[in-house]
């Protein structure tokens, strides 16, 4: 065998090996875990609308306010807390953002339990709650006398009424 044939054979073997390695790459990771993929079917908005239809006081028990008061608050702060949909995923609706915050404030549920209830990651819930609280304070400032003390070291907002 000539030297050119040996070199060509070696190049072919190396190229074939590299092609096989490229085919065996890991599968691409998704942006969301499997738990959140069903969020579009079973979302918090569905739960809220089901609770509003039921006149047994279940909406008031869940959000700790009437459906009319909820809509009033939603109209006041909706534009401040709304987000735009992106190419990657749809945004969380404003009524779910408000419901998450009200549920957190009323019951003291952990972000983890809210994560399973609304099918939203606890990292996102930890961003939603302070945003909605600030919007509520701004919207209701003329109705309620509020003093805010922000402790920067621990990232804690203390509200005095």
N, C-alpha and C. Protein backbone atom coordinates (compact mmCIF):
# COMPACT_ATOMS: atom_id res chain seq x y z
N UNK A 1 0.83 -1.17 0.00
CA UNK A 1 0.00 0.00 0.00
C UNK A 1 0.88 1.24 0.00
N UNK A 2 0.44 2.24 -0.74
CA UNK A 2 1.24 3.46 -0.82
C UNK A 2 0.95 4.36 0.37
N UNK A 3 1.85 5.32 0.58
CA UNK A 3 1.68 6.26 1.70
C UNK A 3 0.41 7.09 1.55
N UNK A 4 0.07 7.47 0.33
CA UNK A 4 -1.14 8.26 0.10
C UNK A 4 -2.40 7.48 0.48
N UNK A 5 -2.41 6.19 0.20
CA UNK A 5 -3.56 5.36 0.54
C UNK A 5 -3.70 5.20 2.05
N UNK A 6 -2.58 5.07 2.74
CA UNK A 6 -2.60 4.93 4.20
C UNK A 6 -3.12 6.22 4.84
N UNK A 7 -2.65 7.37 4.35
CA UNK A 7 -3.08 8.67 4.90
C UNK A 7 -4.57 8.88 4.62
N UNK A 8 -5.02 8.53 3.42
CA UNK A 8 -6.44 8.69 3.07
C UNK A 8 -7.31 7.79 3.94
N UNK A 9 -6.84 6.56 4.20
CA UNK A 9 -7.60 5.64 5.06
C UNK A 9 -7.68 6.17 6.48
N UNK A 10 -6.58 6.70 6.99
CA UNK A 10 -6.56 7.25 8.35
C UNK A 10 -7.51 8.45 8.45
N UNK A 11 -7.51 9.32 7.44
CA UNK A 11 -8.41 10.48 7.44
C UNK A 11 -9.86 10.04 7.42
N UNK A 12 -10.16 9.00 6.63
CA UNK A 12 -11.53 8.50 6.56
C UNK A 12 -11.99 7.96 7.92
N UNK A 13 -11.12 7.22 8.59
CA UNK A 13 -11.45 6.64 9.89
C UNK A 13 -11.70 7.74 10.92
N UNK A 14 -10.85 8.75 10.91
CA UNK A 14 -11.01 9.87 11.86
C UNK A 14 -12.31 10.61 11.58
N UNK A 15 -12.61 10.89 10.31
CA UNK A 15 -13.84 11.60 9.97
C UNK A 15 -15.08 10.79 10.34
N UNK A 16 -15.07 9.50 10.10
CA UNK A 16 -16.20 8.64 10.45
C UNK A 16 -16.40 8.61 11.96
N UNK A 17 -15.31 8.56 12.70
CA UNK A 17 -15.38 8.57 14.16
C UNK A 17 -16.00 9.88 14.67
N UNK A 18 -15.56 11.01 14.10
CA UNK A 18 -16.09 12.31 14.52
C UNK A 18 -17.58 12.45 14.18
N UNK A 19 -17.99 11.92 13.04
CA UNK A 19 -19.40 11.97 12.68
C UNK A 19 -20.25 11.16 13.65
N UNK A 20 -19.77 10.00 14.05
CA UNK A 20 -20.49 9.18 15.02
C UNK A 20 -20.61 9.89 16.36
N UNK A 21 -19.54 10.55 16.76
CA UNK A 21 -19.55 11.27 18.03
C UNK A 21 -20.55 12.43 18.00
N UNK A 22 -20.66 13.10 16.87
CA UNK A 22 -21.61 14.20 16.75
C UNK A 22 -23.05 13.70 16.81
N UNK A 23 -23.30 12.52 16.26
CA UNK A 23 -24.66 11.97 16.29
C UNK A 23 -25.07 11.57 17.71
N UNK A 24 -24.12 11.21 18.55
CA UNK A 24 -24.42 10.74 19.90
C UNK A 24 -24.44 11.87 20.92
N UNK A 25 -24.57 13.11 20.47
CA UNK A 25 -24.62 14.23 21.41
C UNK A 25 -25.81 14.09 22.34
N UNK A 26 -25.70 14.70 23.50
CA UNK A 26 -26.81 14.68 24.45
C UNK A 26 -28.01 15.38 23.86
N UNK A 27 -29.18 14.91 24.31
CA UNK A 27 -30.39 15.57 23.87
C UNK A 27 -30.44 16.97 24.46
N UNK A 28 -31.05 17.84 23.74
CA UNK A 28 -31.15 19.23 24.16
C UNK A 28 -32.04 19.36 25.39
N UNK A 29 -31.62 20.18 26.33
CA UNK A 29 -32.42 20.41 27.53
C UNK A 29 -33.53 21.39 27.22
N UNK A 30 -34.63 21.22 27.90
CA UNK A 30 -35.77 22.10 27.71
C UNK A 30 -35.69 23.26 28.68
N UNK A 31 -36.42 24.31 28.38
CA UNK A 31 -36.47 25.49 29.25
C UNK A 31 -37.27 25.21 30.50
N UNK A 32 -38.24 24.32 30.43
CA UNK A 32 -39.10 24.02 31.56
C UNK A 32 -39.03 22.53 31.89
N UNK A 33 -39.23 22.21 33.15
CA UNK A 33 -39.32 20.80 33.53
C UNK A 33 -40.69 20.27 33.12
N UNK A 34 -40.84 18.97 33.18
CA UNK A 34 -42.09 18.33 32.77
C UNK A 34 -43.28 18.81 33.60
N UNK A 35 -43.07 19.15 34.86
CA UNK A 35 -44.16 19.61 35.71
C UNK A 35 -44.84 20.83 35.13
N UNK A 36 -44.07 21.73 34.53
CA UNK A 36 -44.61 22.99 34.04
C UNK A 36 -45.15 22.91 32.61
N UNK A 37 -44.91 21.81 31.91
CA UNK A 37 -45.42 21.69 30.54
C UNK A 37 -46.94 21.64 30.50
N UNK A 38 -47.56 21.10 31.54
CA UNK A 38 -49.02 21.02 31.56
C UNK A 38 -49.65 22.31 32.08
N UNK A 39 -48.84 23.34 32.32
CA UNK A 39 -49.36 24.61 32.84
C UNK A 39 -50.37 25.23 31.89
N UNK A 40 -50.19 25.03 30.60
CA UNK A 40 -51.12 25.62 29.64
C UNK A 40 -52.50 24.98 29.74
N UNK A 41 -52.56 23.72 30.14
CA UNK A 41 -53.85 23.05 30.28
C UNK A 41 -54.46 23.28 31.65
N UNK A 42 -53.66 23.18 32.68
CA UNK A 42 -54.15 23.28 34.06
C UNK A 42 -53.49 24.47 34.74
N UNK A 43 -53.86 25.65 34.37
CA UNK A 43 -53.20 26.82 34.91
C UNK A 43 -54.04 27.44 36.01
N UNK A 44 -53.42 28.37 36.71
CA UNK A 44 -54.09 29.05 37.81
C UNK A 44 -55.29 29.84 37.35
N UNK A 45 -55.29 30.33 36.11
CA UNK A 45 -56.44 31.07 35.59
C UNK A 45 -57.67 30.18 35.53
N UNK A 46 -57.49 28.93 35.18
CA UNK A 46 -58.61 27.99 35.16
C UNK A 46 -59.16 27.79 36.56
N UNK A 47 -58.27 27.66 37.53
CA UNK A 47 -58.68 27.51 38.91
C UNK A 47 -59.47 28.73 39.38
N UNK A 48 -58.97 29.92 39.06
CA UNK A 48 -59.65 31.15 39.48
C UNK A 48 -61.02 31.27 38.83
N UNK A 49 -61.12 30.96 37.56
CA UNK A 49 -62.43 31.06 36.89
C UNK A 49 -63.40 30.02 37.44
N UNK A 50 -62.92 28.83 37.76
CA UNK A 50 -63.78 27.82 38.38
C UNK A 50 -64.27 28.28 39.75
N UNK A 51 -63.40 28.91 40.51
CA UNK A 51 -63.79 29.39 41.83
C UNK A 51 -64.77 30.56 41.74
N UNK A 52 -64.63 31.40 40.71
CA UNK A 52 -65.56 32.53 40.53
C UNK A 52 -66.96 32.05 40.17
N UNK A 53 -67.05 30.98 39.39
CA UNK A 53 -68.35 30.46 38.97
C UNK A 53 -69.08 29.85 40.16
N UNK A 54 -68.36 29.24 41.05
CA UNK A 54 -68.96 28.61 42.22
C UNK A 54 -69.33 29.69 43.23
N UNK A 55 -70.58 29.74 43.63
CA UNK A 55 -71.05 30.78 44.54
C UNK A 55 -71.02 30.37 46.00
N UNK A 56 -70.27 29.37 46.33
CA UNK A 56 -70.21 28.88 47.71
C UNK A 56 -69.18 29.63 48.54
N UNK A 57 -68.62 30.70 48.03
CA UNK A 57 -67.63 31.47 48.77
C UNK A 57 -66.22 30.90 48.68
N UNK A 58 -66.00 30.00 47.74
CA UNK A 58 -64.69 29.37 47.64
C UNK A 58 -63.65 30.33 47.08
N UNK A 59 -64.03 31.24 46.18
CA UNK A 59 -63.08 32.22 45.67
C UNK A 59 -62.62 33.12 46.81
N UNK A 60 -63.57 33.56 47.63
CA UNK A 60 -63.22 34.42 48.76
C UNK A 60 -62.35 33.67 49.76
N UNK A 61 -62.59 32.40 49.95
CA UNK A 61 -61.76 31.61 50.84
C UNK A 61 -60.36 31.44 50.28
N UNK A 62 -60.25 31.29 48.96
CA UNK A 62 -58.95 31.08 48.33
C UNK A 62 -58.11 32.35 48.31
N UNK A 63 -58.72 33.47 47.87
CA UNK A 63 -57.98 34.73 47.72
C UNK A 63 -58.14 35.67 48.90
N UNK A 64 -59.03 35.34 49.82
CA UNK A 64 -59.32 36.17 50.99
C UNK A 64 -59.93 37.52 50.61
N UNK A 65 -60.61 37.55 49.48
CA UNK A 65 -61.37 38.73 49.06
C UNK A 65 -62.40 38.31 48.04
N UNK A 66 -63.41 39.15 47.85
CA UNK A 66 -64.47 38.82 46.89
C UNK A 66 -63.93 38.94 45.47
N UNK A 67 -64.65 38.33 44.55
CA UNK A 67 -64.26 38.37 43.15
C UNK A 67 -64.33 39.80 42.61
N UNK A 68 -65.28 40.60 43.13
CA UNK A 68 -65.40 41.99 42.68
C UNK A 68 -64.19 42.81 43.15
N UNK A 69 -63.77 42.62 44.39
CA UNK A 69 -62.58 43.32 44.89
C UNK A 69 -61.33 42.88 44.14
N UNK A 70 -61.28 41.61 43.81
CA UNK A 70 -60.15 41.09 43.04
C UNK A 70 -60.08 41.78 41.69
N UNK A 71 -61.22 41.89 41.00
CA UNK A 71 -61.25 42.55 39.70
C UNK A 71 -60.90 44.03 39.82
N UNK A 72 -61.34 44.69 40.89
CA UNK A 72 -61.00 46.09 41.12
C UNK A 72 -59.49 46.26 41.27
N UNK A 73 -58.87 45.40 42.09
CA UNK A 73 -57.41 45.45 42.24
C UNK A 73 -56.70 45.13 40.93
N UNK A 74 -57.22 44.17 40.22
CA UNK A 74 -56.61 43.78 38.95
C UNK A 74 -56.65 44.93 37.94
N UNK A 75 -57.76 45.66 37.91
CA UNK A 75 -57.85 46.82 37.01
C UNK A 75 -56.89 47.93 37.42
N UNK A 76 -56.65 48.08 38.72
CA UNK A 76 -55.75 49.14 39.18
C UNK A 76 -54.28 48.83 38.90
N UNK A 77 -53.88 47.58 39.11
CA UNK A 77 -52.45 47.26 38.99
C UNK A 77 -52.12 46.42 37.77
N UNK A 78 -53.11 46.02 37.00
CA UNK A 78 -52.89 45.16 35.84
C UNK A 78 -51.81 45.65 34.89
N UNK A 79 -51.88 46.92 34.45
CA UNK A 79 -50.85 47.39 33.52
C UNK A 79 -49.44 47.42 34.12
N UNK A 80 -49.35 47.57 35.43
CA UNK A 80 -48.03 47.64 36.07
C UNK A 80 -47.37 46.28 36.20
N UNK A 81 -48.18 45.22 36.32
CA UNK A 81 -47.60 43.90 36.56
C UNK A 81 -47.67 43.00 35.33
N UNK A 82 -48.23 43.47 34.24
CA UNK A 82 -48.33 42.61 33.05
C UNK A 82 -46.98 42.50 32.36
N UNK A 83 -46.76 41.38 31.74
CA UNK A 83 -45.54 41.10 31.00
C UNK A 83 -45.91 40.67 29.59
N UNK A 84 -44.97 40.80 28.67
CA UNK A 84 -45.22 40.41 27.29
C UNK A 84 -44.80 38.96 27.05
N UNK A 85 -45.50 38.31 26.15
CA UNK A 85 -45.11 36.97 25.73
C UNK A 85 -43.80 37.06 24.95
N UNK A 86 -43.00 36.00 25.03
CA UNK A 86 -41.75 35.95 24.28
C UNK A 86 -41.81 34.79 23.30
N UNK A 87 -40.77 34.67 22.51
CA UNK A 87 -40.68 33.57 21.55
C UNK A 87 -40.52 32.25 22.30
N UNK A 88 -39.91 32.29 23.47
CA UNK A 88 -39.62 31.06 24.22
C UNK A 88 -40.83 30.50 24.94
N UNK A 89 -41.64 31.39 25.56
CA UNK A 89 -42.79 30.91 26.33
C UNK A 89 -43.77 32.04 26.55
N UNK A 90 -45.03 31.70 26.79
CA UNK A 90 -46.02 32.76 27.10
C UNK A 90 -45.80 33.29 28.51
N UNK A 91 -46.19 34.53 28.73
CA UNK A 91 -46.01 35.15 30.05
C UNK A 91 -47.10 34.67 31.01
N UNK A 92 -46.85 34.88 32.28
CA UNK A 92 -47.84 34.54 33.31
C UNK A 92 -48.91 35.65 33.29
N UNK A 93 -50.20 35.30 33.18
CA UNK A 93 -51.24 36.32 33.13
C UNK A 93 -51.29 37.15 34.41
N UNK A 94 -51.80 38.38 34.29
CA UNK A 94 -51.83 39.30 35.43
C UNK A 94 -52.70 38.78 36.55
N UNK A 95 -53.80 38.13 36.23
CA UNK A 95 -54.66 37.64 37.31
C UNK A 95 -53.98 36.52 38.10
N UNK A 96 -53.16 35.72 37.45
CA UNK A 96 -52.40 34.71 38.19
C UNK A 96 -51.34 35.35 39.06
N UNK A 97 -50.69 36.40 38.56
CA UNK A 97 -49.69 37.11 39.36
C UNK A 97 -50.32 37.68 40.62
N UNK A 98 -51.48 38.28 40.48
CA UNK A 98 -52.17 38.84 41.64
C UNK A 98 -52.63 37.74 42.58
N UNK A 99 -53.17 36.65 42.05
CA UNK A 99 -53.65 35.55 42.88
C UNK A 99 -52.51 34.90 43.66
N UNK A 100 -51.36 34.74 43.02
CA UNK A 100 -50.19 34.16 43.71
C UNK A 100 -49.81 35.04 44.90
N UNK A 101 -49.76 36.34 44.67
CA UNK A 101 -49.36 37.27 45.72
C UNK A 101 -50.38 37.30 46.85
N UNK A 102 -51.65 37.35 46.51
CA UNK A 102 -52.69 37.37 47.54
C UNK A 102 -52.68 36.08 48.35
N UNK A 103 -52.50 34.97 47.67
CA UNK A 103 -52.44 33.68 48.38
C UNK A 103 -51.23 33.64 49.31
N UNK A 104 -50.10 34.17 48.85
CA UNK A 104 -48.90 34.21 49.69
C UNK A 104 -49.11 35.10 50.91
N UNK A 105 -49.67 36.29 50.68
CA UNK A 105 -49.87 37.23 51.78
C UNK A 105 -50.93 36.76 52.77
N UNK A 106 -51.98 36.12 52.26
CA UNK A 106 -53.09 35.71 53.12
C UNK A 106 -52.79 34.46 53.93
N UNK A 107 -52.09 33.52 53.33
CA UNK A 107 -51.90 32.23 54.00
C UNK A 107 -50.50 32.01 54.52
N UNK A 108 -49.53 32.73 53.95
CA UNK A 108 -48.15 32.48 54.34
C UNK A 108 -47.60 31.21 53.75
N UNK A 109 -48.26 30.69 52.70
CA UNK A 109 -47.75 29.48 52.03
C UNK A 109 -46.32 29.72 51.55
N UNK A 110 -45.55 28.67 51.52
CA UNK A 110 -44.19 28.79 51.01
C UNK A 110 -44.22 28.90 49.49
N UNK A 111 -43.13 29.38 48.92
CA UNK A 111 -43.03 29.46 47.47
C UNK A 111 -43.11 28.06 46.86
N UNK A 112 -42.65 27.07 47.57
CA UNK A 112 -42.69 25.70 47.06
C UNK A 112 -44.12 25.20 46.95
N UNK A 113 -44.95 25.45 47.96
CA UNK A 113 -46.34 25.00 47.87
C UNK A 113 -47.10 25.79 46.80
N UNK A 114 -46.78 27.08 46.65
CA UNK A 114 -47.40 27.86 45.57
C UNK A 114 -46.93 27.38 44.21
N UNK A 115 -45.71 26.89 44.14
CA UNK A 115 -45.17 26.36 42.90
C UNK A 115 -46.01 25.18 42.41
N UNK A 116 -46.38 24.28 43.31
CA UNK A 116 -47.18 23.13 42.92
C UNK A 116 -48.63 23.51 42.65
N UNK A 117 -49.13 24.51 43.34
CA UNK A 117 -50.51 24.93 43.16
C UNK A 117 -50.72 25.63 41.82
N UNK A 118 -49.81 26.55 41.46
CA UNK A 118 -49.97 27.34 40.25
C UNK A 118 -49.12 26.84 39.07
N UNK A 119 -48.27 25.84 39.30
CA UNK A 119 -47.37 25.29 38.27
C UNK A 119 -46.47 26.37 37.70
N UNK A 120 -45.87 27.14 38.59
CA UNK A 120 -44.91 28.18 38.24
C UNK A 120 -43.70 27.97 39.14
N UNK A 121 -42.51 28.10 38.61
CA UNK A 121 -41.31 27.83 39.40
C UNK A 121 -41.21 28.78 40.58
N UNK A 122 -40.60 28.30 41.65
CA UNK A 122 -40.49 29.14 42.84
C UNK A 122 -39.54 30.31 42.61
N UNK A 123 -38.62 30.19 41.67
CA UNK A 123 -37.75 31.31 41.34
C UNK A 123 -38.56 32.45 40.73
N UNK A 124 -39.50 32.10 39.86
CA UNK A 124 -40.35 33.12 39.26
C UNK A 124 -41.33 33.69 40.29
N UNK A 125 -41.85 32.84 41.16
CA UNK A 125 -42.74 33.32 42.21
C UNK A 125 -42.02 34.30 43.12
N UNK A 126 -40.74 34.04 43.39
CA UNK A 126 -39.97 34.95 44.25
C UNK A 126 -39.74 36.30 43.57
N UNK A 127 -39.91 36.39 42.27
CA UNK A 127 -39.84 37.68 41.58
C UNK A 127 -41.21 38.32 41.45
N UNK A 128 -42.24 37.49 41.30
CA UNK A 128 -43.60 38.00 41.12
C UNK A 128 -44.11 38.68 42.38
N UNK A 129 -43.95 38.03 43.54
CA UNK A 129 -44.53 38.54 44.79
C UNK A 129 -44.05 39.95 45.11
N UNK A 130 -42.74 40.25 45.11
CA UNK A 130 -42.33 41.62 45.41
C UNK A 130 -42.80 42.64 44.37
N UNK A 131 -42.82 42.26 43.08
CA UNK A 131 -43.29 43.17 42.04
C UNK A 131 -44.75 43.56 42.25
N UNK A 132 -45.58 42.57 42.57
CA UNK A 132 -47.00 42.84 42.77
C UNK A 132 -47.21 43.62 44.07
N UNK A 133 -46.44 43.32 45.10
CA UNK A 133 -46.56 44.07 46.35
C UNK A 133 -46.24 45.56 46.14
N UNK A 134 -45.21 45.84 45.39
CA UNK A 134 -44.85 47.24 45.11
C UNK A 134 -45.97 47.90 44.30
N UNK A 135 -46.53 47.19 43.32
CA UNK A 135 -47.63 47.75 42.53
C UNK A 135 -48.86 47.99 43.40
N UNK A 136 -49.15 47.08 44.34
CA UNK A 136 -50.28 47.27 45.25
C UNK A 136 -50.08 48.49 46.14
N UNK A 137 -48.88 48.65 46.64
CA UNK A 137 -48.59 49.80 47.50
C UNK A 137 -48.76 51.10 46.73
N UNK A 138 -48.25 51.14 45.50
CA UNK A 138 -48.37 52.34 44.69
C UNK A 138 -49.83 52.64 44.35
N UNK A 139 -50.61 51.61 44.04
CA UNK A 139 -52.00 51.81 43.65
C UNK A 139 -52.88 52.20 44.82
N UNK A 140 -52.58 51.67 46.00
CA UNK A 140 -53.44 51.91 47.16
C UNK A 140 -52.87 52.96 48.11
N UNK A 141 -51.85 53.66 47.68
CA UNK A 141 -51.16 54.59 48.57
C UNK A 141 -52.08 55.69 49.07
N UNK A 142 -52.97 56.21 48.23
CA UNK A 142 -53.84 57.28 48.70
C UNK A 142 -54.97 56.77 49.59
N UNK A 143 -55.25 55.48 49.55
CA UNK A 143 -56.31 54.91 50.37
C UNK A 143 -55.83 54.50 51.76
N UNK A 144 -54.57 54.09 51.85
CA UNK A 144 -54.03 53.57 53.10
C UNK A 144 -52.74 54.30 53.43
N UNK A 145 -52.58 54.64 54.68
CA UNK A 145 -51.34 55.27 55.13
C UNK A 145 -50.31 54.15 55.35
N UNK A 146 -49.26 54.18 54.57
CA UNK A 146 -48.27 53.11 54.60
C UNK A 146 -46.88 53.71 54.78
N UNK A 147 -46.11 53.13 55.69
CA UNK A 147 -44.69 53.46 55.82
C UNK A 147 -43.91 52.22 55.43
N UNK A 148 -42.96 52.39 54.56
CA UNK A 148 -42.18 51.26 54.08
C UNK A 148 -40.76 51.40 54.59
N UNK A 149 -40.26 50.32 55.13
CA UNK A 149 -38.86 50.27 55.54
C UNK A 149 -38.23 49.12 54.79
N UNK A 150 -37.22 49.42 54.03
CA UNK A 150 -36.54 48.40 53.21
C UNK A 150 -35.18 48.13 53.83
N UNK A 151 -34.97 46.90 54.25
CA UNK A 151 -33.70 46.49 54.82
C UNK A 151 -32.90 45.85 53.70
N UNK A 152 -31.90 46.58 53.21
CA UNK A 152 -31.18 46.17 52.01
C UNK A 152 -30.33 44.91 52.25
N UNK A 153 -29.78 44.74 53.41
CA UNK A 153 -28.87 43.63 53.65
C UNK A 153 -29.57 42.28 53.46
N UNK A 154 -30.82 42.17 53.92
CA UNK A 154 -31.54 40.91 53.83
C UNK A 154 -32.57 40.90 52.70
N UNK A 155 -32.69 42.00 51.94
CA UNK A 155 -33.70 42.13 50.89
C UNK A 155 -35.10 41.88 51.43
N UNK A 156 -35.43 42.55 52.49
CA UNK A 156 -36.72 42.39 53.14
C UNK A 156 -37.47 43.72 53.06
N UNK A 157 -38.76 43.65 52.76
CA UNK A 157 -39.61 44.82 52.78
C UNK A 157 -40.52 44.69 53.99
N UNK A 158 -40.49 45.68 54.87
CA UNK A 158 -41.36 45.70 56.04
C UNK A 158 -42.38 46.80 55.82
N UNK A 159 -43.65 46.45 55.94
CA UNK A 159 -44.73 47.42 55.71
C UNK A 159 -45.44 47.66 57.03
N UNK A 160 -45.54 48.93 57.40
CA UNK A 160 -46.27 49.33 58.59
C UNK A 160 -47.57 50.00 58.15
N UNK A 161 -48.68 49.61 58.70
CA UNK A 161 -49.95 50.25 58.37
C UNK A 161 -50.43 51.04 59.56
